[in-house]
Amino acid sequence: MTIKFNLDLITLDAHYTSANEAIEAAGNLLLTNELCNQNYVHAMQNTYQQFGSYIVLDNGLAMPHARPEHGALTTGFCIIT
């Protein structure tokens, strides 16, 4: 398995007013880099709305995601600080 990762998947010192806005930004990075389709971005947002902060790994660190069958095209991740 190859994980696609490049500098286009990193956004530093970003400022968002809500979790949904940050999830949308992360989804757009994945979408732009052809790691997922728009359905996956919507699924990440829906998952957050349904289950809340379970995506929080630690203070200031979250990992929004969705089921692969909801639009993941390949394995990958992005980083936003």
PDB file of N, CA and C in Angstrom:
ATOM      1  N   MET A   1       0.841  -1.172   0.000  1.00  0.00           N
ATOM      2  CA  MET A   1       0.000   0.000   0.000  1.00  0.00           C
ATOM      3  C   MET A   1       0.885   1.234   0.000  1.00  0.00           C
ATOM      4  N   THR A   2       0.563   2.178  -0.857  1.00  0.00           N
ATOM      5  CA  THR A   2       1.289   3.432  -0.928  1.00  0.00           C
ATOM      6  C   THR A   2       0.415   4.539  -0.362  1.00  0.00           C
ATOM      7  N   ILE A   3       0.977   5.350   0.516  1.00  0.00           N
ATOM      8  CA  ILE A   3       0.262   6.494   1.054  1.00  0.00           C
ATOM      9  C   ILE A   3       0.782   7.740   0.363  1.00  0.00           C
ATOM     10  N   LYS A   4      -0.121   8.459  -0.296  1.00  0.00           N
ATOM     11  CA  LYS A   4       0.250   9.686  -0.987  1.00  0.00           C
ATOM     12  C   LYS A   4       0.371  10.807   0.043  1.00  0.00           C
ATOM     13  N   PHE A   5       1.516  11.468   0.059  1.00  0.00           N
ATOM     14  CA  PHE A   5       1.699  12.606   0.950  1.00  0.00           C
ATOM     15  C   PHE A   5       2.647  13.588   0.299  1.00  0.00           C
ATOM     16  N   ASN A   6       2.259  14.859   0.323  1.00  0.00           N
ATOM     17  CA  ASN A   6       3.113  15.890  -0.229  1.00  0.00           C
ATOM     18  C   ASN A   6       2.814  17.208   0.476  1.00  0.00           C
ATOM     19  N   LEU A   7       3.581  18.216   0.175  1.00  0.00           N
ATOM     20  CA  LEU A   7       3.428  19.508   0.845  1.00  0.00           C
ATOM     21  C   LEU A   7       2.083  20.165   0.553  1.00  0.00           C
ATOM     22  N   ASP A   8       1.420  19.775  -0.528  1.00  0.00           N
ATOM     23  CA  ASP A   8       0.094  20.316  -0.840  1.00  0.00           C
ATOM     24  C   ASP A   8      -0.959  19.854   0.163  1.00  0.00           C
ATOM     25  N   LEU A   9      -0.617  18.898   0.996  1.00  0.00           N
ATOM     26  CA  LEU A   9      -1.536  18.374   1.998  1.00  0.00           C
ATOM     27  C   LEU A   9      -1.282  18.971   3.380  1.00  0.00           C
ATOM     28  N   ILE A  10      -0.531  20.061   3.430  1.00  0.00           N
ATOM     29  CA  ILE A  10      -0.213  20.717   4.706  1.00  0.00           C
ATOM     30  C   ILE A  10      -0.653  22.176   4.654  1.00  0.00           C
ATOM     31  N   THR A  11      -1.374  22.602   5.673  1.00  0.00           N
ATOM     32  CA  THR A  11      -1.727  24.010   5.861  1.00  0.00           C
ATOM     33  C   THR A  11      -1.315  24.385   7.272  1.00  0.00           C
ATOM     34  N   LEU A  12      -0.459  25.394   7.393  1.00  0.00           N
ATOM     35  CA  LEU A  12       0.038  25.797   8.705  1.00  0.00           C
ATOM     36  C   LEU A  12      -0.603  27.099   9.164  1.00  0.00           C
ATOM     37  N   ASP A  13      -0.764  27.219  10.467  1.00  0.00           N
ATOM     38  CA  ASP A  13      -1.249  28.438  11.116  1.00  0.00           C
ATOM     39  C   ASP A  13      -2.600  28.897  10.573  1.00  0.00           C
ATOM     40  N   ALA A  14      -3.511  27.949  10.394  1.00  0.00           N
ATOM     41  CA  ALA A  14      -4.852  28.273   9.901  1.00  0.00           C
ATOM     42  C   ALA A  14      -5.741  28.691  11.073  1.00  0.00           C
ATOM     43  N   HIS A  15      -6.754  29.466  10.770  1.00  0.00           N
ATOM     44  CA  HIS A  15      -7.695  29.919  11.799  1.00  0.00           C
ATOM     45  C   HIS A  15      -9.115  29.648  11.317  1.00  0.00           C
ATOM     46  N   TYR A  16      -9.856  28.873  12.091  1.00  0.00           N
ATOM     47  CA  TYR A  16     -11.234  28.537  11.753  1.00  0.00           C
ATOM     48  C   TYR A  16     -12.127  28.885  12.934  1.00  0.00           C
ATOM     49  N   THR A  17     -13.375  29.190  12.640  1.00  0.00           N
ATOM     50  CA  THR A  17     -14.295  29.592  13.692  1.00  0.00           C
ATOM     51  C   THR A  17     -15.143  28.434  14.212  1.00  0.00           C
ATOM     52  N   SER A  18     -15.063  27.279  13.538  1.00  0.00           N
ATOM     53  CA  SER A  18     -15.852  26.126  13.988  1.00  0.00           C
ATOM     54  C   SER A  18     -15.175  24.833  13.556  1.00  0.00           C
ATOM     55  N   ALA A  19     -15.564  23.758  14.205  1.00  0.00           N
ATOM     56  CA  ALA A  19     -15.057  22.433  13.819  1.00  0.00           C
ATOM     57  C   ALA A  19     -15.483  22.100  12.397  1.00  0.00           C
ATOM     58  N   ASN A  20     -16.717  22.430  12.043  1.00  0.00           N
ATOM     59  CA  ASN A  20     -17.182  22.141  10.683  1.00  0.00           C
ATOM     60  C   ASN A  20     -16.364  22.865   9.633  1.00  0.00           C
ATOM     61  N   GLU A  21     -15.970  24.084   9.920  1.00  0.00           N
ATOM     62  CA  GLU A  21     -15.141  24.848   8.981  1.00  0.00           C
ATOM     63  C   GLU A  21     -13.767  24.189   8.826  1.00  0.00           C
ATOM     64  N   ALA A  22     -13.198  23.721   9.915  1.00  0.00           N
ATOM     65  CA  ALA A  22     -11.900  23.039   9.863  1.00  0.00           C
ATOM     66  C   ALA A  22     -12.012  21.701   9.132  1.00  0.00           C
ATOM     67  N   ILE A  23     -13.090  20.978   9.369  1.00  0.00           N
ATOM     68  CA  ILE A  23     -13.299  19.699   8.667  1.00  0.00           C
ATOM     69  C   ILE A  23     -13.461  19.939   7.175  1.00  0.00           C
ATOM     70  N   GLU A  24     -14.183  20.983   6.802  1.00  0.00           N
ATOM     71  CA  GLU A  24     -14.342  21.337   5.388  1.00  0.00           C
ATOM     72  C   GLU A  24     -12.984  21.649   4.762  1.00  0.00           C
ATOM     73  N   ALA A  25     -12.141  22.396   5.469  1.00  0.00           N
ATOM     74  CA  ALA A  25     -10.811  22.738   4.953  1.00  0.00           C
ATOM     75  C   ALA A  25      -9.966  21.479   4.763  1.00  0.00           C
ATOM     76  N   ALA A  26     -10.004  20.589   5.738  1.00  0.00           N
ATOM     77  CA  ALA A  26      -9.260  19.331   5.624  1.00  0.00           C
ATOM     78  C   ALA A  26      -9.789  18.510   4.454  1.00  0.00           C
ATOM     79  N   GLY A  27     -11.105  18.436   4.347  1.00  0.00           N
ATOM     80  CA  GLY A  27     -11.706  17.698   3.239  1.00  0.00           C
ATOM     81  C   GLY A  27     -11.324  18.275   1.892  1.00  0.00           C
ATOM     82  N   ASN A  28     -11.254  19.590   1.802  1.00  0.00           N
ATOM     83  CA  ASN A  28     -10.864  20.219   0.540  1.00  0.00           C
ATOM     84  C   ASN A  28      -9.423  19.904   0.170  1.00  0.00           C
ATOM     85  N   LEU A  29      -8.548  19.809   1.161  1.00  0.00           N
ATOM     86  CA  LEU A  29      -7.167  19.394   0.864  1.00  0.00           C
ATOM     87  C   LEU A  29      -7.150  17.973   0.296  1.00  0.00           C
ATOM     88  N   LEU A  30      -7.914  17.085   0.911  1.00  0.00           N
ATOM     89  CA  LEU A  30      -7.986  15.702   0.432  1.00  0.00           C
ATOM     90  C   LEU A  30      -8.600  15.648  -0.963  1.00  0.00           C
ATOM     91  N   LEU A  31      -9.647  16.421  -1.162  1.00  0.00           N
ATOM     92  CA  LEU A  31     -10.345  16.454  -2.443  1.00  0.00           C
ATOM     93  C   LEU A  31      -9.451  16.995  -3.550  1.00  0.00           C
ATOM     94  N   THR A  32      -8.786  18.094  -3.294  1.00  0.00           N
ATOM     95  CA  THR A  32      -7.904  18.725  -4.278  1.00  0.00           C
ATOM     96  C   THR A  32      -6.771  17.798  -4.693  1.00  0.00           C
ATOM     97  N   ASN A  33      -6.327  16.972  -3.758  1.00  0.00           N
ATOM     98  CA  ASN A  33      -5.221  16.056  -4.034  1.00  0.00           C
ATOM     99  C   ASN A  33      -5.696  14.668  -4.455  1.00  0.00           C
ATOM    100  N   GLU A  34      -6.975  14.568  -4.799  1.00  0.00           N
ATOM    101  CA  GLU A  34      -7.574  13.343  -5.352  1.00  0.00           C
ATOM    102  C   GLU A  34      -7.458  12.141  -4.428  1.00  0.00           C
ATOM    103  N   LEU A  35      -7.560  12.393  -3.129  1.00  0.00           N
ATOM    104  CA  LEU A  35      -7.562  11.299  -2.158  1.00  0.00           C
ATOM    105  C   LEU A  35      -8.978  10.849  -1.845  1.00  0.00           C
ATOM    106  N   CYS A  36      -9.962  11.694  -2.167  1.00  0.00           N
ATOM    107  CA  CYS A  36     -11.354  11.369  -1.900  1.00  0.00           C
ATOM    108  C   CYS A  36     -12.235  12.130  -2.874  1.00  0.00           C
ATOM    109  N   ASN A  37     -13.529  11.837  -2.814  1.00  0.00           N
ATOM    110  CA  ASN A  37     -14.484  12.631  -3.575  1.00  0.00           C
ATOM    111  C   ASN A  37     -15.315  13.467  -2.599  1.00  0.00           C
ATOM    112  N   GLN A  38     -16.215  14.290  -3.119  1.00  0.00           N
ATOM    113  CA  GLN A  38     -17.002  15.196  -2.286  1.00  0.00           C
ATOM    114  C   GLN A  38     -17.860  14.444  -1.272  1.00  0.00           C
ATOM    115  N   ASN A  39     -18.284  13.231  -1.610  1.00  0.00           N
ATOM    116  CA  ASN A  39     -19.080  12.428  -0.673  1.00  0.00           C
ATOM    117  C   ASN A  39     -18.317  12.186   0.623  1.00  0.00           C
ATOM    118  N   TYR A  40     -17.015  11.985   0.527  1.00  0.00           N
ATOM    119  CA  TYR A  40     -16.209  11.727   1.714  1.00  0.00           C
ATOM    120  C   TYR A  40     -16.168  12.958   2.618  1.00  0.00           C
ATOM    121  N   VAL A  41     -16.041  14.124   2.024  1.00  0.00           N
ATOM    122  CA  VAL A  41     -16.017  15.365   2.801  1.00  0.00           C
ATOM    123  C   VAL A  41     -17.341  15.517   3.550  1.00  0.00           C
ATOM    124  N   HIS A  42     -18.450  15.282   2.869  1.00  0.00           N
ATOM    125  CA  HIS A  42     -19.759  15.356   3.521  1.00  0.00           C
ATOM    126  C   HIS A  42     -19.884  14.298   4.613  1.00  0.00           C
ATOM    127  N   ALA A  43     -19.358  13.114   4.353  1.00  0.00           N
ATOM    128  CA  ALA A  43     -19.424  12.043   5.351  1.00  0.00           C
ATOM    129  C   ALA A  43     -18.609  12.398   6.598  1.00  0.00           C
ATOM    130  N   MET A  44     -17.452  13.055   6.430  1.00  0.00           N
ATOM    131  CA  MET A  44     -16.678  13.493   7.600  1.00  0.00           C
ATOM    132  C   MET A  44     -17.496  14.479   8.425  1.00  0.00           C
ATOM    133  N   GLN A  45     -18.151  15.414   7.765  1.00  0.00           N
ATOM    134  CA  GLN A  45     -18.970  16.390   8.481  1.00  0.00           C
ATOM    135  C   GLN A  45     -20.158  15.721   9.174  1.00  0.00           C
ATOM    136  N   ASN A  46     -20.814  14.804   8.481  1.00  0.00           N
ATOM    137  CA  ASN A  46     -21.948  14.092   9.072  1.00  0.00           C
ATOM    138  C   ASN A  46     -21.522  13.252  10.269  1.00  0.00           C
ATOM    139  N   THR A  47     -20.369  12.614  10.160  1.00  0.00           N
ATOM    140  CA  THR A  47     -19.864  11.809  11.264  1.00  0.00           C
ATOM    141  C   THR A  47     -19.600  12.677  12.480  1.00  0.00           C
ATOM    142  N   TYR A  48     -19.023  13.849  12.268  1.00  0.00           N
ATOM    143  CA  TYR A  48     -18.788  14.771  13.386  1.00  0.00           C
ATOM    144  C   TYR A  48     -20.122  15.214  14.000  1.00  0.00           C
ATOM    145  N   GLN A  49     -21.106  15.520  13.152  1.00  0.00           N
ATOM    146  CA  GLN A  49     -22.415  15.943  13.666  1.00  0.00           C
ATOM    147  C   GLN A  49     -23.084  14.824  14.464  1.00  0.00           C
ATOM    148  N   GLN A  50     -22.916  13.594  14.014  1.00  0.00           N
ATOM    149  CA  GLN A  50     -23.568  12.456  14.659  1.00  0.00           C
ATOM    150  C   GLN A  50     -22.874  12.032  15.950  1.00  0.00           C
ATOM    151  N   PHE A  51     -21.540  11.993  15.951  1.00  0.00           N
ATOM    152  CA  PHE A  51     -20.811  11.427  17.084  1.00  0.00           C
ATOM    153  C   PHE A  51     -20.033  12.449  17.898  1.00  0.00           C
ATOM    154  N   GLY A  52     -19.936  13.667  17.410  1.00  0.00           N
ATOM    155  CA  GLY A  52     -19.281  14.722  18.176  1.00  0.00           C
ATOM    156  C   GLY A  52     -17.779  14.570  18.252  1.00  0.00           C
ATOM    157  N   SER A  53     -17.253  14.857  19.407  1.00  0.00           N
ATOM    158  CA  SER A  53     -15.813  15.025  19.568  1.00  0.00           C
ATOM    159  C   SER A  53     -15.021  13.724  19.706  1.00  0.00           C
ATOM    160  N   TYR A  54     -15.596  12.583  19.334  1.00  0.00           N
ATOM    161  CA  TYR A  54     -14.815  11.348  19.385  1.00  0.00           C
ATOM    162  C   TYR A  54     -13.579  11.437  18.490  1.00  0.00           C
ATOM    163  N   ILE A  55     -13.568  12.359  17.543  1.00  0.00           N
ATOM    164  CA  ILE A  55     -12.423  12.526  16.639  1.00  0.00           C
ATOM    165  C   ILE A  55     -11.243  13.194  17.331  1.00  0.00           C
ATOM    166  N   VAL A  56     -11.462  13.750  18.534  1.00  0.00           N
ATOM    167  CA  VAL A  56     -10.391  14.419  19.273  1.00  0.00           C
ATOM    168  C   VAL A  56      -9.470  13.362  19.880  1.00  0.00           C
ATOM    169  N   LEU A  57      -8.187  13.439  19.520  1.00  0.00           N
ATOM    170  CA  LEU A  57      -7.198  12.493  20.034  1.00  0.00           C
ATOM    171  C   LEU A  57      -6.519  13.018  21.286  1.00  0.00           C
ATOM    172  N   ASP A  58      -6.351  14.330  21.351  1.00  0.00           N
ATOM    173  CA  ASP A  58      -5.708  14.984  22.488  1.00  0.00           C
ATOM    174  C   ASP A  58      -6.030  16.466  22.397  1.00  0.00           C
ATOM    175  N   ASN A  59      -5.655  17.214  23.396  1.00  0.00           N
ATOM    176  CA  ASN A  59      -5.912  18.643  23.397  1.00  0.00           C
ATOM    177  C   ASN A  59      -5.285  19.286  22.149  1.00  0.00           C
ATOM    178  N   GLY A  60      -6.125  19.852  21.293  1.00  0.00           N
ATOM    179  CA  GLY A  60      -5.636  20.507  20.087  1.00  0.00           C
ATOM    180  C   GLY A  60      -5.344  19.580  18.924  1.00  0.00           C
ATOM    181  N   LEU A  61      -5.658  18.299  19.042  1.00  0.00           N
ATOM    182  CA  LEU A  61      -5.376  17.333  17.977  1.00  0.00           C
ATOM    183  C   LEU A  61      -6.626  16.508  17.684  1.00  0.00           C
ATOM    184  N   ALA A  62      -7.124  16.640  16.466  1.00  0.00           N
ATOM    185  CA  ALA A  62      -8.311  15.897  16.049  1.00  0.00           C
ATOM    186  C   ALA A  62      -8.037  15.199  14.726  1.00  0.00           C
ATOM    187  N   MET A  63      -8.757  14.122  14.486  1.00  0.00           N
ATOM    188  CA  MET A  63      -8.591  13.353  13.250  1.00  0.00           C
ATOM    189  C   MET A  63      -9.968  13.041  12.659  1.00  0.00           C
ATOM    190  N   PRO A  64     -10.569  14.034  11.990  1.00  0.00           N
ATOM    191  CA  PRO A  64     -11.860  13.754  11.363  1.00  0.00           C
ATOM    192  C   PRO A  64     -11.675  12.749  10.228  1.00  0.00           C
ATOM    193  N   HIS A  65     -12.640  11.872  10.097  1.00  0.00           N
ATOM    194  CA  HIS A  65     -12.573  10.847   9.061  1.00  0.00           C
ATOM    195  C   HIS A  65     -13.968  10.286   8.830  1.00  0.00           C
ATOM    196  N   ALA A  66     -14.070   9.419   7.850  1.00  0.00           N
ATOM    197  CA  ALA A  66     -15.319   8.733   7.538  1.00  0.00           C
ATOM    198  C   ALA A  66     -14.978   7.327   7.055  1.00  0.00           C
ATOM    199  N   ARG A  67     -15.987   6.529   6.820  1.00  0.00           N
ATOM    200  CA  ARG A  67     -15.769   5.176   6.313  1.00  0.00           C
ATOM    201  C   ARG A  67     -15.213   5.256   4.886  1.00  0.00           C
ATOM    202  N   PRO A  68     -14.261   4.410   4.541  1.00  0.00           N
ATOM    203  CA  PRO A  68     -13.661   4.457   3.205  1.00  0.00           C
ATOM    204  C   PRO A  68     -14.681   4.342   2.070  1.00  0.00           C
ATOM    205  N   GLU A  69     -15.703   3.559   2.286  1.00  0.00           N
ATOM    206  CA  GLU A  69     -16.700   3.374   1.229  1.00  0.00           C
ATOM    207  C   GLU A  69     -17.550   4.622   0.985  1.00  0.00           C
ATOM    208  N   HIS A  70     -17.377   5.639   1.800  1.00  0.00           N
ATOM    209  CA  HIS A  70     -18.116   6.887   1.614  1.00  0.00           C
ATOM    210  C   HIS A  70     -17.384   7.872   0.698  1.00  0.00           C
ATOM    211  N   GLY A  71     -16.351   7.406   0.014  1.00  0.00           N
ATOM    212  CA  GLY A  71     -15.726   8.273  -0.990  1.00  0.00           C
ATOM    213  C   GLY A  71     -14.221   8.377  -0.934  1.00  0.00           C
ATOM    214  N   ALA A  72     -13.562   7.569  -0.106  1.00  0.00           N
ATOM    215  CA  ALA A  72     -12.095   7.561  -0.127  1.00  0.00           C
ATOM    216  C   ALA A  72     -11.643   6.933  -1.440  1.00  0.00           C
ATOM    217  N   LEU A  73     -10.662   7.558  -2.075  1.00  0.00           N
ATOM    218  CA  LEU A  73     -10.137   7.035  -3.336  1.00  0.00           C
ATOM    219  C   LEU A  73      -8.814   6.312  -3.142  1.00  0.00           C
ATOM    220  N   THR A  74      -8.076   6.699  -2.114  1.00  0.00           N
ATOM    221  CA  THR A  74      -6.807   6.067  -1.782  1.00  0.00           C
ATOM    222  C   THR A  74      -6.497   6.394  -0.323  1.00  0.00           C
ATOM    223  N   THR A  75      -5.455   5.820   0.220  1.00  0.00           N
ATOM    224  CA  THR A  75      -5.058   6.083   1.599  1.00  0.00           C
ATOM    225  C   THR A  75      -4.206   7.351   1.644  1.00  0.00           C
ATOM    226  N   GLY A  76      -4.503   8.220   2.580  1.00  0.00           N
ATOM    227  CA  GLY A  76      -3.737   9.444   2.722  1.00  0.00           C
ATOM    228  C   GLY A  76      -4.266  10.274   3.877  1.00  0.00           C
ATOM    229  N   PHE A  77      -3.589  11.358   4.159  1.00  0.00           N
ATOM    230  CA  PHE A  77      -4.030  12.267   5.211  1.00  0.00           C
ATOM    231  C   PHE A  77      -3.463  13.647   4.946  1.00  0.00           C
ATOM    232  N   CYS A  78      -4.041  14.628   5.624  1.00  0.00           N
ATOM    233  CA  CYS A  78      -3.538  15.979   5.531  1.00  0.00           C
ATOM    234  C   CYS A  78      -3.285  16.489   6.951  1.00  0.00           C
ATOM    235  N   ILE A  79      -2.542  17.576   7.027  1.00  0.00           N
ATOM    236  CA  ILE A  79      -2.236  18.192   8.326  1.00  0.00           C
ATOM    237  C   ILE A  79      -2.617  19.667   8.241  1.00  0.00           C
ATOM    238  N   ILE A  80      -3.374  20.115   9.241  1.00  0.00           N
ATOM    239  CA  ILE A  80      -3.718  21.530   9.363  1.00  0.00           C
ATOM    240  C   ILE A  80      -3.397  21.936  10.789  1.00  0.00           C
ATOM    241  N   THR A  81      -2.638  23.015  10.947  1.00  0.00           N
ATOM    242  CA  THR A  81      -2.379  23.516  12.289  1.00  0.00           C
ATOM    243  C   THR A  81      -3.026  24.868  12.452  1.00  0.00           C
TER     244      THR A  81
END
